[in-house]
């Protein structure tokens, strides 16, 4: 995985961010917050690739125990400033995860798996940590026609494992992840979205 330092998160080097520290978490994660609330999910939560901890902070009102990890020392430092009562760790998803199998009720992996050496292997690795009946939420860019036409706009060279939609669905099937909801979109400035365009996808899944 790449070098996710201060310059990366503030848009000064090799990323698509302008300034990640100034995002509006309610706007950025509104669909996820709505899903968690609607499904009344509780228990133990893990955010893989938690960055500055904006989502884990929102999840504290739903879950009794909240965990997050990121490969970036800088990001976890920022997350610890913003969060108390949360287990935050510096972990490379390409390495072994230090969590017990079937120990989380909900896991989010938002725009992280495409940065890893193997999307497939690391989705399987995360799914192993999810309880049966638990929820997995994954967001990723897709290798589809918008990327072929406008991929030059993606400045993030750490997007090394962007999946095709068919391959992604095969991975979810292999991991016994049943898709409950899905949203396709093209990202717009200020965390806006152009719906139905298959540039990116957000999958809401339950482990059978």
Protein backbone atom coordinates (compact mmCIF):
# COMPACT_ATOMS: atom_id res chain seq x y z
CA UNK A 1 0.00 0.00 0.00
CA UNK A 2 1.09 3.60 -0.56
CA UNK A 3 2.37 6.39 1.63
CA UNK A 4 -0.72 7.80 3.36
CA UNK A 5 0.81 10.77 5.13
CA UNK A 6 -0.33 14.31 5.91
CA UNK A 7 0.18 15.45 2.31
CA UNK A 8 -2.03 12.62 1.03
CA UNK A 9 -4.99 13.48 3.25
CA UNK A 10 -4.78 17.19 2.56
CA UNK A 11 -4.65 16.83 -1.20
CA UNK A 12 -1.08 17.93 -1.70
CA UNK A 13 0.23 14.63 -3.07
CA UNK A 14 -1.24 11.69 -4.98
CA UNK A 15 -4.83 11.67 -3.73
CA UNK A 16 -8.31 12.79 -4.73
CA UNK A 17 -8.87 14.72 -1.50
CA UNK A 18 -8.86 18.48 -1.19
CA UNK A 19 -8.77 18.50 2.60
CA UNK A 20 -10.08 15.36 4.32
CA UNK A 21 -10.03 17.05 7.72
CA UNK A 22 -12.84 19.39 6.71
CA UNK A 23 -15.40 16.84 5.55
CA UNK A 24 -18.95 16.84 6.86
CA UNK A 25 -19.35 13.30 8.30
CA UNK A 26 -23.14 13.53 8.48
CA UNK A 27 -23.27 14.26 4.75
CA UNK A 28 -20.52 11.85 3.72
CA UNK A 29 -21.86 8.89 5.72
CA UNK A 30 -25.59 9.67 5.68
CA UNK A 31 -26.53 6.47 3.83
CA UNK A 32 -24.54 4.31 6.22
CA UNK A 33 -25.93 6.05 9.30
CA UNK A 34 -29.45 5.60 7.91
CA UNK A 35 -28.87 1.88 7.21
CA UNK A 36 -27.44 1.19 10.69
CA UNK A 37 -30.33 3.04 12.30
CA UNK A 38 -32.96 1.32 10.16
CA UNK A 39 -31.56 -2.16 10.82
CA UNK A 40 -31.07 -1.39 14.52
CA UNK A 41 -27.56 -2.84 14.41
CA UNK A 42 -25.69 -2.87 17.72
CA UNK A 43 -22.89 -4.71 19.52
CA UNK A 44 -19.33 -4.46 18.16
CA UNK A 45 -18.33 -2.31 15.18
CA UNK A 46 -15.12 -2.19 13.11
CA UNK A 47 -14.19 0.44 10.53
CA UNK A 48 -11.40 -0.83 8.26
CA UNK A 49 -9.50 2.15 6.86
CA UNK A 50 -11.01 4.55 9.38
CA UNK A 51 -8.75 7.51 8.42
CA UNK A 52 -9.49 10.41 10.80
CA UNK A 53 -12.20 8.46 12.65
CA UNK A 54 -15.20 10.47 11.48
CA UNK A 55 -17.35 7.37 10.94
CA UNK A 56 -16.32 5.64 14.18
CA UNK A 57 -17.33 8.80 16.01
CA UNK A 58 -20.81 8.62 14.45
CA UNK A 59 -21.09 4.91 15.30
CA UNK A 60 -20.52 5.40 19.04
CA UNK A 61 -24.21 6.16 19.51
CA UNK A 62 -25.21 2.81 17.94
CA UNK A 63 -22.60 0.34 19.17
CA UNK A 64 -21.39 -0.59 22.63
CA UNK A 65 -17.86 -1.20 21.38
CA UNK A 66 -16.24 0.64 18.46
CA UNK A 67 -12.95 -0.20 16.74
CA UNK A 68 -11.08 1.29 13.81
CA UNK A 69 -7.80 0.82 12.04
CA UNK A 70 -5.82 2.47 9.29
CA UNK A 71 -2.43 1.94 7.68
CA UNK A 72 -1.56 5.61 8.26
CA UNK A 73 0.16 6.68 11.48
CA UNK A 74 -0.83 10.25 10.66
CA UNK A 75 -4.52 9.37 10.19
CA UNK A 76 -4.73 7.36 13.41
CA UNK A 77 -3.10 10.24 15.27
CA UNK A 78 -5.84 12.53 13.97
CA UNK A 79 -8.51 9.92 14.80
CA UNK A 80 -7.31 9.67 18.40
CA UNK A 81 -7.61 13.44 18.78
CA UNK A 82 -11.24 13.27 17.63
CA UNK A 83 -12.30 10.14 19.51
CA UNK A 84 -12.30 8.79 23.04
CA UNK A 85 -13.42 5.35 24.13
CA UNK A 86 -12.53 3.86 20.74
CA UNK A 87 -9.92 1.19 20.02
CA UNK A 88 -7.85 2.74 17.19
CA UNK A 89 -4.83 0.96 15.72
CA UNK A 90 -2.28 1.31 12.94
CA UNK A 91 -2.74 -1.86 10.85
CA UNK A 92 -1.96 -2.77 7.24
CA UNK A 93 -4.91 -4.75 5.88
CA UNK A 94 -2.49 -6.75 3.73
CA UNK A 95 -1.08 -8.17 6.98
CA UNK A 96 -2.72 -10.46 9.55
CA UNK A 97 -5.59 -8.83 11.44
CA UNK A 98 -5.33 -8.96 15.25
CA UNK A 99 -9.05 -9.53 15.84
CA UNK A 100 -10.87 -12.73 16.72
CA UNK A 101 -12.88 -14.45 14.00
CA UNK A 102 -16.64 -13.87 14.09
CA UNK A 103 -16.27 -11.10 16.67
CA UNK A 104 -17.97 -8.09 15.02
CA UNK A 105 -21.63 -7.32 14.36
CA UNK A 106 -20.85 -4.77 11.64
CA UNK A 107 -17.75 -4.03 9.57
CA UNK A 108 -17.31 -1.15 7.15
CA UNK A 109 -14.62 -1.09 4.44
CA UNK A 110 -15.12 2.19 2.63
CA UNK A 111 -12.64 2.98 -0.14
CA UNK A 112 -9.90 0.82 1.34
CA UNK A 113 -9.91 -2.55 -0.43
CA UNK A 114 -8.94 -1.06 -3.78
CA UNK A 115 -5.74 0.23 -2.12
CA UNK A 116 -4.61 -3.26 -1.07
CA UNK A 117 -2.59 -5.92 -2.83
CA UNK A 118 -5.63 -8.20 -3.20
CA UNK A 119 -9.22 -6.98 -2.98
CA UNK A 120 -10.42 -10.59 -2.99
CA UNK A 121 -8.13 -11.89 -0.23
CA UNK A 122 -8.70 -8.91 2.02
CA UNK A 123 -12.49 -9.00 1.68
CA UNK A 124 -12.29 -12.65 2.76
CA UNK A 125 -10.03 -11.65 5.65
CA UNK A 126 -12.51 -9.05 6.89
CA UNK A 127 -15.52 -11.33 6.41
CA UNK A 128 -13.88 -13.90 8.70
CA UNK A 129 -14.07 -11.33 11.52
CA UNK A 130 -17.82 -10.81 10.99
CA UNK A 131 -20.39 -12.76 12.95
CA UNK A 132 -22.97 -14.85 11.13
CA UNK A 133 -25.91 -12.52 10.54
CA UNK A 134 -23.62 -9.49 10.82
CA UNK A 135 -23.49 -6.65 8.32
CA UNK A 136 -20.66 -5.74 5.93
CA UNK A 137 -20.67 -2.41 4.11
CA UNK A 138 -18.17 -1.99 1.27
CA UNK A 139 -17.56 1.01 -0.98
CA UNK A 140 -15.16 0.96 -3.92
CA UNK A 141 -14.58 2.45 -7.33
CA UNK A 142 -15.40 0.10 -10.20
CA UNK A 143 -13.45 -0.86 -13.28
CA UNK A 144 -16.30 0.03 -15.64
CA UNK A 145 -16.96 2.36 -18.57
CA UNK A 146 -16.74 5.62 -16.55
CA UNK A 147 -13.23 4.65 -15.45
CA UNK A 148 -12.22 3.83 -19.02
CA UNK A 149 -13.43 7.24 -20.19
CA UNK A 150 -12.52 9.42 -17.21
CA UNK A 151 -9.96 7.38 -15.30
CA UNK A 152 -7.35 10.05 -15.96
CA UNK A 153 -9.21 12.17 -13.38
CA UNK A 154 -8.29 9.66 -10.66
CA UNK A 155 -5.06 11.06 -9.23
CA UNK A 156 -4.71 8.31 -6.64
CA UNK A 157 -1.99 5.94 -7.84
CA UNK A 158 -2.63 3.66 -4.83
CA UNK A 159 -5.86 2.43 -6.48
CA UNK A 160 -4.17 -0.81 -7.49
CA UNK A 161 -7.01 -3.34 -7.06
CA UNK A 162 -10.10 -1.69 -8.53
CA UNK A 163 -12.55 -4.55 -9.28
CA UNK A 164 -14.91 -5.19 -12.13
CA UNK A 165 -18.53 -5.40 -10.94
CA UNK A 166 -18.89 -9.05 -11.97
CA UNK A 167 -15.74 -9.99 -10.04
CA UNK A 168 -16.94 -8.07 -6.99
CA UNK A 169 -20.26 -9.93 -7.00
CA UNK A 170 -18.42 -13.23 -7.29
CA UNK A 171 -16.33 -12.27 -4.25
CA UNK A 172 -19.43 -11.47 -2.20
CA UNK A 173 -21.01 -14.80 -3.16
CA UNK A 174 -17.85 -16.70 -2.24
CA UNK A 175 -17.88 -15.09 1.20
CA UNK A 176 -21.59 -15.79 1.80
CA UNK A 177 -22.34 -12.08 1.82
CA UNK A 178 -25.91 -11.46 0.70
CA UNK A 179 -26.47 -8.05 -0.88
CA UNK A 180 -29.39 -6.24 0.75
CA UNK A 181 -28.93 -2.81 -0.84
CA UNK A 182 -26.59 -1.31 -3.37
CA UNK A 183 -25.93 2.19 -4.66
CA UNK A 184 -24.00 3.07 -7.81
CA UNK A 185 -22.78 6.62 -8.26
CA UNK A 186 -20.15 8.98 -9.54
CA UNK A 187 -18.50 11.09 -6.87
CA UNK A 188 -18.95 14.86 -7.12
CA UNK A 189 -17.21 17.70 -5.26
CA UNK A 190 -18.09 18.29 -1.59
CA UNK A 191 -19.08 14.60 -1.22
CA UNK A 192 -21.98 14.92 -3.61
CA UNK A 193 -23.07 12.01 -5.80
CA UNK A 194 -24.44 11.55 -9.28
CA UNK A 195 -26.65 8.46 -8.80
CA UNK A 196 -26.82 5.38 -11.03
CA UNK A 197 -23.50 6.03 -12.80
CA UNK A 198 -21.33 2.90 -12.28
CA UNK A 199 -18.12 4.73 -11.38
CA UNK A 200 -18.35 3.53 -7.76
CA UNK A 201 -20.55 1.19 -5.77
CA UNK A 202 -21.66 0.90 -2.16
CA UNK A 203 -22.81 -2.56 -1.06
CA UNK A 204 -24.82 -3.27 2.08
CA UNK A 205 -24.56 -6.97 2.85
CA UNK A 206 -25.43 -9.54 5.50
CA UNK A 207 -23.35 -12.62 6.22
CA UNK A 208 -25.33 -15.85 5.93
